C-alpha atoms as a PDB file:
ATOM      1  CA  MET A   1      -7.422  17.410  10.866  1.00  0.00           C
ATOM      2  CA  MET A   2      -8.971  14.770   8.651  1.00  0.00           C
ATOM      3  CA  THR A   3     -11.547  12.498  10.244  1.00  0.00           C
ATOM      4  CA  THR A   4     -12.000   8.922   9.137  1.00  0.00           C
ATOM      5  CA  THR A   5     -15.346   7.266   9.677  1.00  0.00           C
ATOM      6  CA  ASN A   6     -15.618   3.847  11.232  1.00  0.00           C
ATOM      7  CA  GLN A   7     -15.319   1.180   8.578  1.00  0.00           C
ATOM      8  CA  ALA A   8     -15.607  -1.726  10.993  1.00  0.00           C
ATOM      9  CA  GLY A   9     -19.258  -2.258  10.068  1.00  0.00           C
ATOM     10  CA  SER A  10     -18.497  -2.864   6.405  1.00  0.00           C
ATOM     11  CA  ALA A  11     -14.962  -4.271   6.552  1.00  0.00           C
ATOM     12  CA  ARG A  12     -12.735  -6.112   8.959  1.00  0.00           C
ATOM     13  CA  GLN A  13     -10.471  -3.910  11.019  1.00  0.00           C
ATOM     14  CA  LYS A  14      -6.844  -4.122   9.948  1.00  0.00           C
ATOM     15  CA  SER A  15      -3.569  -4.944  11.659  1.00  0.00           C
ATOM     16  CA  ILE A  16      -0.834  -2.614  10.476  1.00  0.00           C
ATOM     17  CA  VAL A  17       2.932  -2.413  10.954  1.00  0.00           C
ATOM     18  CA  ILE A  18       4.770   0.906  10.978  1.00  0.00           C
ATOM     19  CA  VAL A  19       8.551   1.069  10.602  1.00  0.00           C
ATOM     20  CA  GLY A  20      10.277   4.340  11.422  1.00  0.00           C
ATOM     21  CA  ALA A  21       7.693   5.749  13.830  1.00  0.00           C
ATOM     22  CA  THR A  22      10.340   7.826  15.636  1.00  0.00           C
ATOM     23  CA  GLY A  23      10.828   9.850  12.443  1.00  0.00           C
ATOM     24  CA  MET A  24       8.748  12.763  11.228  1.00  0.00           C
ATOM     25  CA  VAL A  25       6.449  11.045   8.698  1.00  0.00           C
ATOM     26  CA  GLY A  26       6.429   7.750  10.575  1.00  0.00           C
ATOM     27  CA  GLY A  27       5.416   9.549  13.759  1.00  0.00           C
ATOM     28  CA  TYR A  28       2.384  11.093  12.085  1.00  0.00           C
ATOM     29  CA  ALA A  29       1.543   7.733  10.496  1.00  0.00           C
ATOM     30  CA  LEU A  30       1.595   6.114  13.916  1.00  0.00           C
ATOM     31  CA  ARG A  31      -0.665   8.738  15.489  1.00  0.00           C
ATOM     32  CA  TYR A  32      -3.134   8.588  12.629  1.00  0.00           C
ATOM     33  CA  ALA A  33      -3.238   4.784  12.604  1.00  0.00           C
ATOM     34  CA  LEU A  34      -3.870   4.674  16.349  1.00  0.00           C
ATOM     35  CA  GLU A  35      -6.775   7.115  15.959  1.00  0.00           C
ATOM     36  CA  ASN A  36      -8.189   5.338  12.909  1.00  0.00           C
ATOM     37  CA  PRO A  37     -11.232   3.165  13.743  1.00  0.00           C
ATOM     38  CA  ALA A  38     -10.509   1.002  10.695  1.00  0.00           C
ATOM     39  CA  VAL A  39      -7.284  -0.112  12.380  1.00  0.00           C
ATOM     40  CA  ALA A  40      -7.489  -2.752  15.123  1.00  0.00           C
ATOM     41  CA  CYS A  41      -3.808  -3.068  16.016  1.00  0.00           C
ATOM     42  CA  VAL A  42      -0.632  -1.111  15.269  1.00  0.00           C
ATOM     43  CA  THR A  43       2.788  -2.746  15.600  1.00  0.00           C
ATOM     44  CA  SER A  44       5.661  -0.279  15.674  1.00  0.00           C
ATOM     45  CA  ILE A  45       9.073  -1.719  14.842  1.00  0.00           C
ATOM     46  CA  GLY A  46      12.105   0.429  15.506  1.00  0.00           C
ATOM     47  CA  ARG A  47      15.447   0.833  17.209  1.00  0.00           C
ATOM     48  CA  ARG A  48      14.315   3.299  19.884  1.00  0.00           C
ATOM     49  CA  ASN A  49      11.479   3.407  22.373  1.00  0.00           C
ATOM     50  CA  LEU A  50       8.530   5.577  21.361  1.00  0.00           C
ATOM     51  CA  GLY A  51       7.794   6.668  24.906  1.00  0.00           C
ATOM     52  CA  ILE A  52       4.030   6.384  24.468  1.00  0.00           C
ATOM     53  CA  SER A  53       1.357   3.843  25.320  1.00  0.00           C
ATOM     54  CA  HIS A  54      -1.968   3.091  23.652  1.00  0.00           C
ATOM     55  CA  PRO A  55      -4.402   0.144  23.801  1.00  0.00           C
ATOM     56  CA  LYS A  56      -3.883  -0.516  20.075  1.00  0.00           C
ATOM     57  CA  LEU A  57      -0.094  -0.231  20.161  1.00  0.00           C
ATOM     58  CA  LYS A  58       2.410  -3.070  20.249  1.00  0.00           C
ATOM     59  CA  GLU A  59       6.012  -1.897  20.280  1.00  0.00           C
ATOM     60  CA  VAL A  60       8.853  -4.101  19.058  1.00  0.00           C
ATOM     61  CA  LEU A  61      12.486  -3.050  19.387  1.00  0.00           C
ATOM     62  CA  HIS A  62      14.761  -4.317  16.642  1.00  0.00           C
ATOM     63  CA  SER A  63      18.382  -3.193  16.468  1.00  0.00           C
ATOM     64  CA  ASP A  64      19.579  -4.535  13.112  1.00  0.00           C
ATOM     65  CA  PHE A  65      17.369  -4.163  10.045  1.00  0.00           C
ATOM     66  CA  ALA A  66      20.046  -5.842   7.945  1.00  0.00           C
ATOM     67  CA  ASP A  67      18.605  -9.085   9.333  1.00  0.00           C
ATOM     68  CA  CYS A  68      14.859  -9.168  10.023  1.00  0.00           C
ATOM     69  CA  SER A  69      14.551 -12.947  10.331  1.00  0.00           C
ATOM     70  CA  SER A  70      13.748 -12.689  14.037  1.00  0.00           C
ATOM     71  CA  LEU A  71      10.687 -10.590  13.152  1.00  0.00           C
ATOM     72  CA  ALA A  72       8.972 -13.473  11.350  1.00  0.00           C
ATOM     73  CA  GLY A  73       6.505 -14.060  14.173  1.00  0.00           C
ATOM     74  CA  VAL A  74       5.737 -10.372  14.584  1.00  0.00           C
ATOM     75  CA  LEU A  75       5.149 -10.002  10.855  1.00  0.00           C
ATOM     76  CA  SER A  76       2.796 -12.967  10.572  1.00  0.00           C
ATOM     77  CA  ASP A  77      -0.877 -12.313   9.786  1.00  0.00           C
ATOM     78  CA  GLN A  78      -0.404  -8.584   9.170  1.00  0.00           C
ATOM     79  CA  ASP A  79      -2.700  -6.738   6.774  1.00  0.00           C
ATOM     80  CA  ALA A  80      -0.440  -3.823   5.902  1.00  0.00           C
ATOM     81  CA  ALA A  81       2.875  -2.093   6.483  1.00  0.00           C
ATOM     82  CA  VAL A  82       3.952   1.539   6.254  1.00  0.00           C
ATOM     83  CA  PHE A  83       7.729   1.778   5.816  1.00  0.00           C
ATOM     84  CA  CYS A  84       9.208   5.183   6.681  1.00  0.00           C
ATOM     85  CA  LEU A  85      12.699   4.196   7.821  1.00  0.00           C
ATOM     86  CA  GLY A  86      15.385   6.313   6.206  1.00  0.00           C
ATOM     87  CA  ALA A  87      18.264   8.752   6.555  1.00  0.00           C
ATOM     88  CA  TYR A  88      19.017  12.274   5.363  1.00  0.00           C
ATOM     89  CA  THR A  89      21.351  12.731   2.407  1.00  0.00           C
ATOM     90  CA  GLY A  90      24.826  13.673   3.570  1.00  0.00           C
ATOM     91  CA  ALA A  91      24.205  12.636   7.161  1.00  0.00           C
ATOM     92  CA  LEU A  92      26.051   9.318   6.740  1.00  0.00           C
ATOM     93  CA  PRO A  93      28.845   7.807   4.629  1.00  0.00           C
ATOM     94  CA  ASP A  94      27.613   6.603   1.249  1.00  0.00           C
ATOM     95  CA  ALA A  95      27.844   2.897   2.079  1.00  0.00           C
ATOM     96  CA  GLU A  96      25.811   3.334   5.268  1.00  0.00           C
ATOM     97  CA  PHE A  97      23.278   5.521   3.464  1.00  0.00           C
ATOM     98  CA  ARG A  98      22.774   2.844   0.822  1.00  0.00           C
ATOM     99  CA  LYS A  99      22.451   0.114   3.437  1.00  0.00           C
ATOM    100  CA  ILE A 100      19.674   1.971   5.237  1.00  0.00           C
ATOM    101  CA  THR A 101      17.910   3.088   2.063  1.00  0.00           C
ATOM    102  CA  VAL A 102      18.100  -0.148   0.067  1.00  0.00           C
ATOM    103  CA  ASP A 103      19.209  -3.132   2.132  1.00  0.00           C
ATOM    104  CA  TYR A 104      17.009  -2.453   5.162  1.00  0.00           C
ATOM    105  CA  THR A 105      13.965  -1.936   2.954  1.00  0.00           C
ATOM    106  CA  VAL A 106      14.529  -5.085   0.919  1.00  0.00           C
ATOM    107  CA  GLU A 107      15.215  -7.255   3.970  1.00  0.00           C
ATOM    108  CA  PHE A 108      12.140  -6.073   5.845  1.00  0.00           C
ATOM    109  CA  ALA A 109       9.957  -6.525   2.755  1.00  0.00           C
ATOM    110  CA  ARG A 110      11.286 -10.065   2.283  1.00  0.00           C
ATOM    111  CA  VAL A 111      10.349 -11.173   5.784  1.00  0.00           C
ATOM    112  CA  LEU A 112       6.986  -9.399   5.665  1.00  0.00           C
ATOM    113  CA  HIS A 113       6.023 -11.008   2.359  1.00  0.00           C
ATOM    114  CA  ASP A 114       7.179 -14.443   3.501  1.00  0.00           C
ATOM    115  CA  ASN A 115       4.949 -14.264   6.569  1.00  0.00           C
ATOM    116  CA  SER A 116       2.060 -12.085   5.344  1.00  0.00           C
ATOM    117  CA  PRO A 117       1.968 -12.581   1.575  1.00  0.00           C
ATOM    118  CA  ASP A 118      -1.314 -10.688   1.178  1.00  0.00           C
ATOM    119  CA  ALA A 119      -0.167  -7.615   3.102  1.00  0.00           C
ATOM    120  CA  ALA A 120      -0.295  -4.190   1.448  1.00  0.00           C
ATOM    121  CA  PHE A 121       2.952  -2.217   1.497  1.00  0.00           C
ATOM    122  CA  SER A 122       3.350   1.567   1.595  1.00  0.00           C
ATOM    123  CA  PHE A 123       6.896   2.848   0.988  1.00  0.00           C
ATOM    124  CA  LEU A 124       8.284   6.335   1.597  1.00  0.00           C
ATOM    125  CA  SER A 125      10.513   7.026  -1.396  1.00  0.00           C
ATOM    126  CA  GLY A 126      11.267  10.507  -2.710  1.00  0.00           C
ATOM    127  CA  ASN A 127      10.998  12.928  -5.589  1.00  0.00           C
ATOM    128  CA  GLY A 128      13.375  12.029  -8.411  1.00  0.00           C
ATOM    129  CA  ALA A 129      13.820   8.381  -7.433  1.00  0.00           C
ATOM    130  CA  ASP A 130      15.396   6.611 -10.400  1.00  0.00           C
ATOM    131  CA  PRO A 131      14.770   2.845 -10.730  1.00  0.00           C
ATOM    132  CA  THR A 132      17.064   2.755 -13.792  1.00  0.00           C
ATOM    133  CA  GLY A 133      20.087   3.395 -11.562  1.00  0.00           C
ATOM    134  CA  ARG A 134      21.459   6.039 -13.918  1.00  0.00           C
ATOM    135  CA  SER A 135      21.103   9.052 -11.647  1.00  0.00           C
ATOM    136  CA  ARG A 136      24.296  10.617 -10.335  1.00  0.00           C
ATOM    137  CA  ILE A 137      22.450  11.616  -7.164  1.00  0.00           C
ATOM    138  CA  ALA A 138      22.847   8.952  -4.485  1.00  0.00           C
ATOM    139  CA  PHE A 139      19.418   9.562  -2.949  1.00  0.00           C
ATOM    140  CA  ALA A 140      17.649   9.175  -6.297  1.00  0.00           C
ATOM    141  CA  ARG A 141      19.693   6.148  -7.284  1.00  0.00           C
ATOM    142  CA  TYR A 142      19.253   4.281  -3.993  1.00  0.00           C
ATOM    143  CA  LYS A 143      15.561   5.064  -3.576  1.00  0.00           C
ATOM    144  CA  GLY A 144      15.076   3.892  -7.150  1.00  0.00           C
ATOM    145  CA  GLU A 145      16.948   0.698  -6.409  1.00  0.00           C
ATOM    146  CA  ALA A 146      14.710   0.060  -3.395  1.00  0.00           C
ATOM    147  CA  GLU A 147      11.586   0.723  -5.484  1.00  0.00           C
ATOM    148  CA  LYS A 148      12.719  -1.718  -8.162  1.00  0.00           C
ATOM    149  CA  ALA A 149      13.359  -4.426  -5.575  1.00  0.00           C
ATOM    150  CA  LEU A 150       9.954  -3.875  -3.974  1.00  0.00           C
ATOM    151  CA  GLU A 151       8.203  -4.116  -7.338  1.00  0.00           C
ATOM    152  CA  ALA A 152       9.849  -7.510  -7.847  1.00  0.00           C
ATOM    153  CA  SER A 153       9.062  -8.760  -4.345  1.00  0.00           C
ATOM    154  CA  GLY A 154       5.551 -10.013  -5.117  1.00  0.00           C
ATOM    155  CA  PHE A 155       3.319  -7.673  -3.100  1.00  0.00           C
ATOM    156  CA  SER A 156      -0.194  -7.544  -4.550  1.00  0.00           C
ATOM    157  CA  TYR A 157      -0.689  -4.045  -3.144  1.00  0.00           C
ATOM    158  CA  LEU A 158       2.390  -1.859  -3.367  1.00  0.00           C
ATOM    159  CA  TYR A 159       2.168   1.923  -3.004  1.00  0.00           C
ATOM    160  CA  ILE A 160       5.286   4.003  -3.531  1.00  0.00           C
ATOM    161  CA  PHE A 161       5.213   7.630  -2.395  1.00  0.00           C
ATOM    162  CA  ARG A 162       7.597  10.154  -3.966  1.00  0.00           C
ATOM    163  CA  PRO A 163       7.101  13.429  -2.072  1.00  0.00           C
ATOM    164  CA  ALA A 164       9.084  16.546  -2.916  1.00  0.00           C
ATOM    165  CA  TYR A 165       9.659  18.905   0.048  1.00  0.00           C
ATOM    166  CA  ILE A 166       7.964  17.501   3.145  1.00  0.00           C
ATOM    167  CA  TYR A 167       6.866  20.355   5.389  1.00  0.00           C
ATOM    168  CA  PRO A 168       7.425  19.376   9.057  1.00  0.00           C
ATOM    169  CA  VAL A 169       4.210  21.104  10.334  1.00  0.00           C
ATOM    170  CA  GLU A 170       5.422  21.049  13.940  1.00  0.00           C
ATOM    171  CA  PRO A 171       8.605  22.918  14.989  1.00  0.00           C
ATOM    172  CA  ARG A 172      11.749  20.777  15.018  1.00  0.00           C
ATOM    173  CA  LYS A 173      15.512  21.051  14.746  1.00  0.00           C
ATOM    174  CA  GLU A 174      16.196  20.958  11.014  1.00  0.00           C
ATOM    175  CA  PRO A 175      18.895  18.489   9.913  1.00  0.00           C
ATOM    176  CA  ASN A 176      20.789  20.871   7.603  1.00  0.00           C
ATOM    177  CA  PHE A 177      20.859  24.341   6.036  1.00  0.00           C
ATOM    178  CA  THR A 178      18.724  23.364   3.039  1.00  0.00           C
ATOM    179  CA  TYR A 179      15.890  22.230   5.286  1.00  0.00           C
ATOM    180  CA  ARG A 180      16.190  25.388   7.422  1.00  0.00           C
ATOM    181  CA  LEU A 181      15.982  27.485   4.256  1.00  0.00           C
ATOM    182  CA  LEU A 182      12.985  25.601   2.857  1.00  0.00           C
ATOM    183  CA  ARG A 183      11.119  25.867   6.131  1.00  0.00           C
ATOM    184  CA  GLY A 184      11.750  29.625   6.193  1.00  0.00           C
ATOM    185  CA  ILE A 185      10.451  30.211   2.674  1.00  0.00           C
ATOM    186  CA  TYR A 186       7.658  27.625   2.855  1.00  0.00           C
ATOM    187  CA  PRO A 187       4.750  30.148   2.994  1.00  0.00           C
ATOM    188  CA  VAL A 188       5.882  31.612  -0.342  1.00  0.00           C
ATOM    189  CA  PHE A 189       7.104  28.324  -1.810  1.00  0.00           C
ATOM    190  CA  ARG A 190       3.756  26.566  -1.323  1.00  0.00           C
ATOM    191  CA  VAL A 191       1.945  29.372  -3.167  1.00  0.00           C
ATOM    192  CA  LEU A 192       4.374  29.529  -6.094  1.00  0.00           C
ATOM    193  CA  PHE A 193       5.078  25.791  -6.357  1.00  0.00           C
ATOM    194  CA  PRO A 194       2.163  23.952  -4.689  1.00  0.00           C
ATOM    195  CA  ASN A 195       2.995  20.632  -6.330  1.00  0.00           C
ATOM    196  CA  GLN A 196       6.510  20.677  -4.898  1.00  0.00           C
ATOM    197  CA  VAL A 197       5.431  20.569  -1.244  1.00  0.00           C
ATOM    198  CA  ILE A 198       3.391  18.289   1.007  1.00  0.00           C
ATOM    199  CA  PRO A 199       2.722  18.641   4.759  1.00  0.00           C
ATOM    200  CA  ALA A 200       4.160  15.708   6.702  1.00  0.00           C
ATOM    201  CA  ASP A 201       0.854  14.848   8.385  1.00  0.00           C
ATOM    202  CA  ASP A 202      -1.043  14.770   5.069  1.00  0.00           C
ATOM    203  CA  LEU A 203       1.604  12.514   3.542  1.00  0.00           C
ATOM    204  CA  ALA A 204       1.435  10.146   6.512  1.00  0.00           C
ATOM    205  CA  LYS A 205      -2.360   9.930   6.409  1.00  0.00           C
ATOM    206  CA  ALA A 206      -2.298   9.102   2.707  1.00  0.00           C
ATOM    207  CA  MET A 207       0.308   6.380   3.259  1.00  0.00           C
ATOM    208  CA  VAL A 208      -1.830   4.784   5.962  1.00  0.00           C
ATOM    209  CA  ASP A 209      -5.162   5.121   4.187  1.00  0.00           C
ATOM    210  CA  VAL A 210      -4.095   3.477   0.925  1.00  0.00           C
ATOM    211  CA  VAL A 211      -2.946   0.294   2.662  1.00  0.00           C
ATOM    212  CA  VAL A 212      -5.848   0.182   5.112  1.00  0.00           C
ATOM    213  CA  CYS A 213      -8.315   0.440   2.221  1.00  0.00           C
ATOM    214  CA  ALA A 214      -6.441  -1.953  -0.097  1.00  0.00           C
ATOM    215  CA  THR A 215      -8.946  -4.605  -1.187  1.00  0.00           C
ATOM    216  CA  GLY A 216     -10.081  -6.348  -4.329  1.00  0.00           C
ATOM    217  CA  GLU A 217      -7.980  -6.392  -7.475  1.00  0.00           C
ATOM    218  CA  ALA A 218      -4.200  -6.253  -6.993  1.00  0.00           C
ATOM    219  CA  ARG A 219      -2.698  -2.850  -7.546  1.00  0.00           C
ATOM    220  CA  ASN A 220       0.737  -1.243  -7.609  1.00  0.00           C
ATOM    221  CA  HIS A 221       1.024   2.523  -7.887  1.00  0.00           C
ATOM    222  CA  VAL A 222       3.664   5.237  -7.705  1.00  0.00           C
ATOM    223  CA  PHE A 223       2.395   8.512  -6.254  1.00  0.00           C
ATOM    224  CA  GLU A 224       4.357  11.572  -7.337  1.00  0.00           C
ATOM    225  CA  ASN A 225       3.942  14.718  -5.229  1.00  0.00           C
ATOM    226  CA  ARG A 226       1.099  16.080  -7.381  1.00  0.00           C
ATOM    227  CA  GLU A 227      -0.772  12.773  -7.042  1.00  0.00           C
ATOM    228  CA  ILE A 228      -0.203  12.670  -3.289  1.00  0.00           C
ATOM    229  CA  ARG A 229      -1.817  16.094  -2.975  1.00  0.00           C
ATOM    230  CA  ALA A 230      -4.761  14.973  -5.114  1.00  0.00           C
ATOM    231  CA  LEU A 231      -5.119  11.818  -3.027  1.00  0.00           C
ATOM    232  CA  VAL A 232      -5.168  13.866   0.178  1.00  0.00           C
ATOM    233  CA  LYS A 233      -7.898  16.128  -1.227  1.00  0.00           C
ATOM    234  CA  THR A 234      -9.972  13.078  -2.139  1.00  0.00           C
ATOM    235  CA  LEU A 235      -9.534  11.630   1.353  1.00  0.00           C
ATOM    236  CA  TYR A 236     -10.535  14.919   2.977  1.00  0.00           C
ATOM    237  CA  ALA A 237     -13.604  15.250   0.761  1.00  0.00           C
ATOM    238  CA  SER A 238     -14.687  11.674   1.433  1.00  0.00           C
ATOM    239  CA  ALA A 239     -14.199  11.987   5.194  1.00  0.00           C
ATOM    240  CA  ASN A 240     -16.042  15.299   5.390  1.00  0.00           C
ATOM    241  CA  SER A 241     -18.914  13.910   3.316  1.00  0.00           C
ATOM    242  CA  LYS A 242     -19.300  10.884   5.591  1.00  0.00           C
ATOM    243  CA  GLN A 243     -19.036  13.046   8.688  1.00  0.00           C
ATOM    244  CA  GLY A 244     -21.712  15.368   7.322  1.00  0.00           C
ATOM    245  CA  ARG A 245     -24.096  12.451   6.809  1.00  0.00           C
ATOM    246  CA  ARG A 246     -23.793  11.576  10.496  1.00  0.00           C
ATOM    247  CA  LEU A 247     -24.663  15.086  11.702  1.00  0.00           C
END
């Protein structure tokens, strides 16, 4: 587990919003943010109860992400957001899949930016996302469309994450045969193709850390899987170095 040192002495603690905390990556992002001393408050927005309590946690139930106008008050004065809401390819009709992947993202980002214009935004996209819209693969085309809309939305700090295979870490019921197969061959796959895999908890920590640490000059960045892995290594090295200095 990566340890983050307390940054409260050198920087103001942050208020962060997490969307999709009942999902795999969002769940790890929530846990990490709650444990992170640089984070003062975590607001989880979702359609289902989390079933947990924590002094830092504020839970907001929202049933329809096609209209986030009612979240204006909740999204005021926020420092950062980690957006992990999504659906698995093939699990829904194409129109519904696009609505969740594109429309929900764009609508949430609109209301967040209107009410917290300086907030940093971390978006869970995916490997192969195509902002040109030319891809024949729905997932790539729709994630690319969402990325393009976010880049035009005016966020000063926008971080797009494009992981390849996300390893679940903890046992779960896999959504389809492909995921069951990948989980089974993961020990070999990660050795042969290390830049095509990322553990879910490492991905979540990186998504939280980049927005919590976003300061100074405006920056937008797309992290491909190789860059996510490099970012995680840097975060581990920095945390271990700071921890060592305290011992």
